[in-house]
Amino acid sequence: MTLWSRQHAWLSTRPKDFDKTRLQFLLMAKEEPEMPDVGSLEYLTEWLAELDFCQSNGAIVRGVPHTEVKAWAENTGVKFHGQEAAWLVAMSRAYAAEVSRSDNKNADAPFEV
């Protein structure tokens, strides 16, 4: 799941000196982005999107903390099972770390088929 988060962050990042994200360039070229298969856990990627993937104050990007995940779940009525909350936090941290790494235009994609 963290590989999915890292790949999504890489695609969503606009490298320095570029005017578009990698995903925008791919779509302009009519290419489909490569993403890891998450199978039956796709709902976690949707929940992560609802959490806005990560937090940023303009200077620092960081993962969504447990307290925010808990508040989101309470506000939306989501009942976590097993390690779902921990997975969301780990996915968000991976996303934030990849955003920071991926602003380099030469950063390799975390996932390739």
N, C-alpha and C. Protein backbone atom coordinates (compact mmCIF):
# COMPACT_ATOMS: atom_id res chain seq x y z
N MET A 1 0.82 -1.19 0.00
CA MET A 1 0.00 0.00 0.00
C MET A 1 0.87 1.26 0.00
N THR A 2 2.01 1.19 0.67
CA THR A 2 2.87 2.38 0.66
C THR A 2 3.49 2.60 -0.72
N LEU A 3 3.70 1.52 -1.48
CA LEU A 3 4.21 1.68 -2.84
C LEU A 3 3.20 2.41 -3.69
N TRP A 4 1.90 2.09 -3.53
CA TRP A 4 0.86 2.82 -4.26
C TRP A 4 0.92 4.30 -3.90
N SER A 5 1.05 4.60 -2.61
CA SER A 5 1.11 6.00 -2.16
C SER A 5 2.31 6.73 -2.75
N ARG A 6 3.44 6.06 -2.75
CA ARG A 6 4.65 6.68 -3.30
C ARG A 6 4.50 6.93 -4.80
N GLN A 7 3.93 5.97 -5.53
CA GLN A 7 3.76 6.16 -6.97
C GLN A 7 2.78 7.30 -7.25
N HIS A 8 1.70 7.36 -6.49
CA HIS A 8 0.72 8.43 -6.68
C HIS A 8 1.36 9.79 -6.40
N ALA A 9 2.17 9.87 -5.36
CA ALA A 9 2.86 11.13 -5.03
C ALA A 9 3.82 11.52 -6.15
N TRP A 10 4.57 10.54 -6.66
CA TRP A 10 5.52 10.81 -7.74
C TRP A 10 4.79 11.37 -8.96
N LEU A 11 3.67 10.75 -9.30
CA LEU A 11 2.89 11.21 -10.45
C LEU A 11 2.29 12.60 -10.21
N SER A 12 1.92 12.89 -8.99
CA SER A 12 1.22 14.13 -8.66
C SER A 12 2.15 15.31 -8.42
N THR A 13 3.45 15.05 -8.36
CA THR A 13 4.41 16.11 -8.07
C THR A 13 4.85 16.82 -9.35
N ARG A 14 4.97 18.13 -9.24
CA ARG A 14 5.50 18.94 -10.33
C ARG A 14 6.97 19.19 -10.02
N PRO A 15 7.87 18.56 -10.80
CA PRO A 15 9.29 18.77 -10.54
C PRO A 15 9.67 20.25 -10.70
N LYS A 16 10.73 20.63 -9.99
CA LYS A 16 11.22 22.00 -10.10
C LYS A 16 11.46 22.34 -11.56
N ASP A 17 11.13 23.56 -11.93
CA ASP A 17 11.31 24.09 -13.29
C ASP A 17 10.36 23.48 -14.32
N PHE A 18 9.36 22.73 -13.88
CA PHE A 18 8.34 22.19 -14.78
C PHE A 18 7.03 22.92 -14.51
N ASP A 19 6.19 23.02 -15.52
CA ASP A 19 4.92 23.72 -15.34
C ASP A 19 3.75 22.76 -15.14
N LYS A 20 4.01 21.45 -15.19
CA LYS A 20 2.96 20.45 -15.02
C LYS A 20 3.47 19.29 -14.18
N THR A 21 2.53 18.53 -13.64
CA THR A 21 2.90 17.32 -12.91
C THR A 21 3.25 16.22 -13.91
N ARG A 22 3.88 15.19 -13.42
CA ARG A 22 4.18 14.04 -14.28
C ARG A 22 2.89 13.44 -14.83
N LEU A 23 1.86 13.38 -14.00
CA LEU A 23 0.58 12.83 -14.45
C LEU A 23 0.00 13.67 -15.58
N GLN A 24 0.07 14.98 -15.48
CA GLN A 24 -0.44 15.84 -16.54
C GLN A 24 0.31 15.60 -17.85
N PHE A 25 1.63 15.43 -17.77
CA PHE A 25 2.41 15.13 -18.98
C PHE A 25 1.99 13.79 -19.59
N LEU A 26 1.78 12.79 -18.75
CA LEU A 26 1.35 11.48 -19.26
C LEU A 26 -0.01 11.58 -19.94
N LEU A 27 -0.94 12.26 -19.31
CA LEU A 27 -2.28 12.37 -19.88
C LEU A 27 -2.27 13.17 -21.18
N MET A 28 -1.42 14.19 -21.24
CA MET A 28 -1.30 14.96 -22.49
C MET A 28 -0.78 14.06 -23.62
N ALA A 29 0.09 13.12 -23.27
CA ALA A 29 0.64 12.18 -24.25
C ALA A 29 -0.27 10.98 -24.47
N LYS A 30 -1.46 11.01 -23.83
CA LYS A 30 -2.45 9.94 -23.93
C LYS A 30 -1.90 8.60 -23.44
N GLU A 31 -1.07 8.66 -22.40
CA GLU A 31 -0.51 7.47 -21.77
C GLU A 31 -1.18 7.26 -20.42
N GLU A 32 -1.36 6.00 -20.07
CA GLU A 32 -1.94 5.65 -18.78
C GLU A 32 -0.81 5.54 -17.75
N PRO A 33 -1.00 6.12 -16.57
CA PRO A 33 0.03 5.96 -15.54
C PRO A 33 0.09 4.54 -15.02
N GLU A 34 1.29 4.09 -14.67
CA GLU A 34 1.47 2.76 -14.10
C GLU A 34 1.29 2.86 -12.59
N MET A 35 0.42 2.02 -12.05
CA MET A 35 0.17 1.99 -10.62
C MET A 35 0.20 0.55 -10.13
N PRO A 36 0.70 0.34 -8.92
CA PRO A 36 0.66 -1.01 -8.34
C PRO A 36 -0.79 -1.44 -8.11
N ASP A 37 -1.05 -2.71 -8.27
CA ASP A 37 -2.38 -3.25 -8.02
C ASP A 37 -2.61 -3.34 -6.52
N VAL A 38 -3.70 -2.76 -6.04
CA VAL A 38 -4.00 -2.81 -4.61
C VAL A 38 -5.13 -3.78 -4.31
N GLY A 39 -5.68 -4.39 -5.35
CA GLY A 39 -6.71 -5.42 -5.17
C GLY A 39 -7.88 -4.96 -4.33
N SER A 40 -8.24 -5.76 -3.36
CA SER A 40 -9.42 -5.49 -2.54
C SER A 40 -9.21 -4.34 -1.55
N LEU A 41 -8.00 -3.82 -1.48
CA LEU A 41 -7.72 -2.71 -0.56
C LEU A 41 -7.85 -1.34 -1.22
N GLU A 42 -8.47 -1.29 -2.39
CA GLU A 42 -8.62 -0.01 -3.09
C GLU A 42 -9.35 1.02 -2.24
N TYR A 43 -10.23 0.58 -1.38
CA TYR A 43 -10.96 1.51 -0.52
C TYR A 43 -10.01 2.34 0.34
N LEU A 44 -8.83 1.78 0.68
CA LEU A 44 -7.86 2.55 1.47
C LEU A 44 -7.31 3.72 0.67
N THR A 45 -7.14 3.54 -0.63
CA THR A 45 -6.66 4.66 -1.46
C THR A 45 -7.73 5.75 -1.54
N GLU A 46 -8.99 5.35 -1.55
CA GLU A 46 -10.08 6.33 -1.57
C GLU A 46 -10.15 7.08 -0.25
N TRP A 47 -9.96 6.36 0.85
CA TRP A 47 -9.94 7.02 2.16
C TRP A 47 -8.76 7.98 2.25
N LEU A 48 -7.61 7.57 1.74
CA LEU A 48 -6.44 8.45 1.78
C LEU A 48 -6.70 9.72 0.99
N ALA A 49 -7.37 9.60 -0.14
CA ALA A 49 -7.72 10.79 -0.92
C ALA A 49 -8.65 11.70 -0.13
N GLU A 50 -9.59 11.12 0.61
CA GLU A 50 -10.49 11.93 1.44
C GLU A 50 -9.71 12.66 2.52
N LEU A 51 -8.60 12.09 2.96
CA LEU A 51 -7.72 12.72 3.96
C LEU A 51 -6.74 13.70 3.31
N ASP A 52 -6.86 13.91 2.00
CA ASP A 52 -5.97 14.80 1.23
C ASP A 52 -4.53 14.30 1.15
N PHE A 53 -4.32 13.01 1.30
CA PHE A 53 -3.03 12.35 1.14
C PHE A 53 -2.00 12.71 2.20
N CYS A 54 -1.78 14.01 2.44
CA CYS A 54 -0.81 14.45 3.43
C CYS A 54 -1.15 15.87 3.85
N GLN A 55 -0.33 16.43 4.72
CA GLN A 55 -0.54 17.80 5.18
C GLN A 55 0.65 18.65 4.77
N SER A 56 0.38 19.94 4.50
CA SER A 56 1.44 20.86 4.13
C SER A 56 1.12 22.24 4.67
N ASN A 57 2.14 22.92 5.15
CA ASN A 57 1.95 24.31 5.57
C ASN A 57 2.61 25.27 4.59
N GLY A 58 2.95 24.77 3.41
CA GLY A 58 3.61 25.57 2.40
C GLY A 58 5.11 25.36 2.36
N ALA A 59 5.68 24.99 3.50
CA ALA A 59 7.12 24.76 3.56
C ALA A 59 7.45 23.31 3.88
N ILE A 60 6.61 22.68 4.69
CA ILE A 60 6.86 21.31 5.14
C ILE A 60 5.69 20.42 4.75
N VAL A 61 6.01 19.26 4.22
CA VAL A 61 5.01 18.25 3.89
C VAL A 61 5.17 17.12 4.89
N ARG A 62 4.08 16.70 5.48
CA ARG A 62 4.14 15.60 6.45
C ARG A 62 2.92 14.72 6.32
N GLY A 63 3.05 13.51 6.81
CA GLY A 63 1.94 12.58 6.79
C GLY A 63 0.83 13.02 7.73
N VAL A 64 -0.37 12.54 7.44
CA VAL A 64 -1.51 12.81 8.31
C VAL A 64 -1.32 12.01 9.60
N PRO A 65 -1.36 12.67 10.76
CA PRO A 65 -1.14 11.94 12.01
C PRO A 65 -2.35 11.12 12.44
N HIS A 66 -2.12 10.20 13.36
CA HIS A 66 -3.18 9.33 13.88
C HIS A 66 -4.38 10.14 14.38
N THR A 67 -4.12 11.26 15.04
CA THR A 67 -5.22 12.05 15.60
C THR A 67 -6.15 12.55 14.50
N GLU A 68 -5.60 12.95 13.37
CA GLU A 68 -6.42 13.43 12.25
C GLU A 68 -7.18 12.28 11.59
N VAL A 69 -6.53 11.13 11.49
CA VAL A 69 -7.20 9.95 10.92
C VAL A 69 -8.38 9.56 11.82
N LYS A 70 -8.16 9.58 13.13
CA LYS A 70 -9.22 9.25 14.07
C LYS A 70 -10.38 10.25 13.95
N ALA A 71 -10.06 11.54 13.89
CA ALA A 71 -11.10 12.57 13.76
C ALA A 71 -11.87 12.40 12.46
N TRP A 72 -11.17 12.11 11.37
CA TRP A 72 -11.83 11.90 10.08
C TRP A 72 -12.80 10.72 10.17
N ALA A 73 -12.34 9.63 10.78
CA ALA A 73 -13.18 8.43 10.90
C ALA A 73 -14.43 8.75 11.72
N GLU A 74 -14.26 9.46 12.81
CA GLU A 74 -15.41 9.81 13.64
C GLU A 74 -16.39 10.71 12.88
N ASN A 75 -15.86 11.66 12.11
CA ASN A 75 -16.72 12.59 11.36
C ASN A 75 -17.43 11.94 10.19
N THR A 76 -16.85 10.89 9.63
CA THR A 76 -17.44 10.25 8.46
C THR A 76 -18.17 8.95 8.79
N GLY A 77 -18.03 8.49 10.02
CA GLY A 77 -18.70 7.25 10.43
C GLY A 77 -17.96 5.99 10.03
N VAL A 78 -16.71 6.12 9.63
CA VAL A 78 -15.90 4.95 9.27
C VAL A 78 -15.50 4.21 10.54
N LYS A 79 -15.66 2.91 10.52
CA LYS A 79 -15.24 2.04 11.62
C LYS A 79 -14.06 1.22 11.13
N PHE A 80 -12.90 1.45 11.70
CA PHE A 80 -11.70 0.75 11.28
C PHE A 80 -11.71 -0.69 11.77
N HIS A 81 -11.13 -1.56 10.95
CA HIS A 81 -10.95 -2.97 11.30
C HIS A 81 -9.46 -3.29 11.20
N GLY A 82 -8.96 -4.03 12.15
CA GLY A 82 -7.56 -4.43 12.11
C GLY A 82 -6.63 -3.23 12.09
N GLN A 83 -5.74 -3.23 11.13
CA GLN A 83 -4.70 -2.21 11.03
C GLN A 83 -5.01 -1.10 10.04
N GLU A 84 -6.26 -0.92 9.67
CA GLU A 84 -6.60 0.07 8.63
C GLU A 84 -6.13 1.48 8.98
N ALA A 85 -6.33 1.92 10.21
CA ALA A 85 -5.89 3.27 10.60
C ALA A 85 -4.38 3.38 10.49
N ALA A 86 -3.67 2.36 10.95
CA ALA A 86 -2.20 2.37 10.86
C ALA A 86 -1.75 2.37 9.40
N TRP A 87 -2.44 1.64 8.55
CA TRP A 87 -2.11 1.63 7.12
C TRP A 87 -2.27 3.02 6.52
N LEU A 88 -3.37 3.71 6.89
CA LEU A 88 -3.59 5.07 6.37
C LEU A 88 -2.46 6.01 6.79
N VAL A 89 -2.06 5.92 8.04
CA VAL A 89 -0.96 6.76 8.52
C VAL A 89 0.33 6.43 7.77
N ALA A 90 0.62 5.16 7.61
CA ALA A 90 1.84 4.74 6.88
C ALA A 90 1.78 5.18 5.42
N MET A 91 0.62 5.04 4.80
CA MET A 91 0.47 5.46 3.40
C MET A 91 0.66 6.97 3.27
N SER A 92 0.13 7.72 4.20
CA SER A 92 0.27 9.17 4.17
C SER A 92 1.71 9.60 4.38
N ARG A 93 2.40 8.95 5.30
CA ARG A 93 3.82 9.26 5.52
C ARG A 93 4.65 8.94 4.28
N ALA A 94 4.35 7.82 3.64
CA ALA A 94 5.07 7.45 2.42
C ALA A 94 4.80 8.47 1.32
N TYR A 95 3.55 8.91 1.22
CA TYR A 95 3.19 9.92 0.22
C TYR A 95 3.98 11.20 0.46
N ALA A 96 3.99 11.67 1.71
CA ALA A 96 4.69 12.91 2.04
C ALA A 96 6.19 12.81 1.74
N ALA A 97 6.79 11.70 2.10
CA ALA A 97 8.22 11.51 1.84
C ALA A 97 8.51 11.52 0.34
N GLU A 98 7.62 10.90 -0.43
CA GLU A 98 7.83 10.85 -1.89
C GLU A 98 7.64 12.22 -2.53
N VAL A 99 6.70 13.01 -2.03
CA VAL A 99 6.52 14.37 -2.55
C VAL A 99 7.82 15.15 -2.40
N SER A 100 8.43 15.03 -1.24
CA SER A 100 9.70 15.74 -0.99
C SER A 100 10.81 15.26 -1.91
N ARG A 101 10.87 13.96 -2.17
CA ARG A 101 11.91 13.39 -3.02
C ARG A 101 11.66 13.68 -4.50
N SER A 102 10.40 13.73 -4.89
CA SER A 102 10.03 13.76 -6.30
C SER A 102 10.04 15.12 -6.97
N ASP A 103 10.38 16.17 -6.22
CA ASP A 103 10.45 17.46 -6.90
C ASP A 103 11.71 17.57 -7.75
N ASN A 104 12.59 16.58 -7.64
CA ASN A 104 13.75 16.47 -8.50
C ASN A 104 13.31 15.85 -9.82
N LYS A 105 13.58 16.53 -10.93
CA LYS A 105 13.11 16.04 -12.23
C LYS A 105 13.69 14.68 -12.61
N ASN A 106 14.81 14.30 -11.99
CA ASN A 106 15.47 13.03 -12.30
C ASN A 106 15.08 11.92 -11.33
N ALA A 107 14.15 12.19 -10.43
CA ALA A 107 13.73 11.16 -9.46
C ALA A 107 13.06 10.01 -10.20
N ASP A 108 13.53 8.81 -9.95
CA ASP A 108 12.95 7.62 -10.57
C ASP A 108 11.58 7.33 -9.98
N ALA A 109 10.71 6.77 -10.80
CA ALA A 109 9.40 6.33 -10.32
C ALA A 109 9.59 5.20 -9.32
N PRO A 110 8.84 5.22 -8.22
CA PRO A 110 8.95 4.14 -7.26
C PRO A 110 8.50 2.79 -7.82
N PHE A 111 7.55 2.83 -8.79
CA PHE A 111 6.98 1.61 -9.33
C PHE A 111 7.07 1.63 -10.84
N GLU A 112 7.54 0.53 -11.39
CA GLU A 112 7.56 0.33 -12.84
C GLU A 112 7.19 -1.10 -13.13
N VAL A 113 6.38 -1.27 -14.17
CA VAL A 113 5.94 -2.62 -14.57
C VAL A 113 7.06 -3.33 -15.27
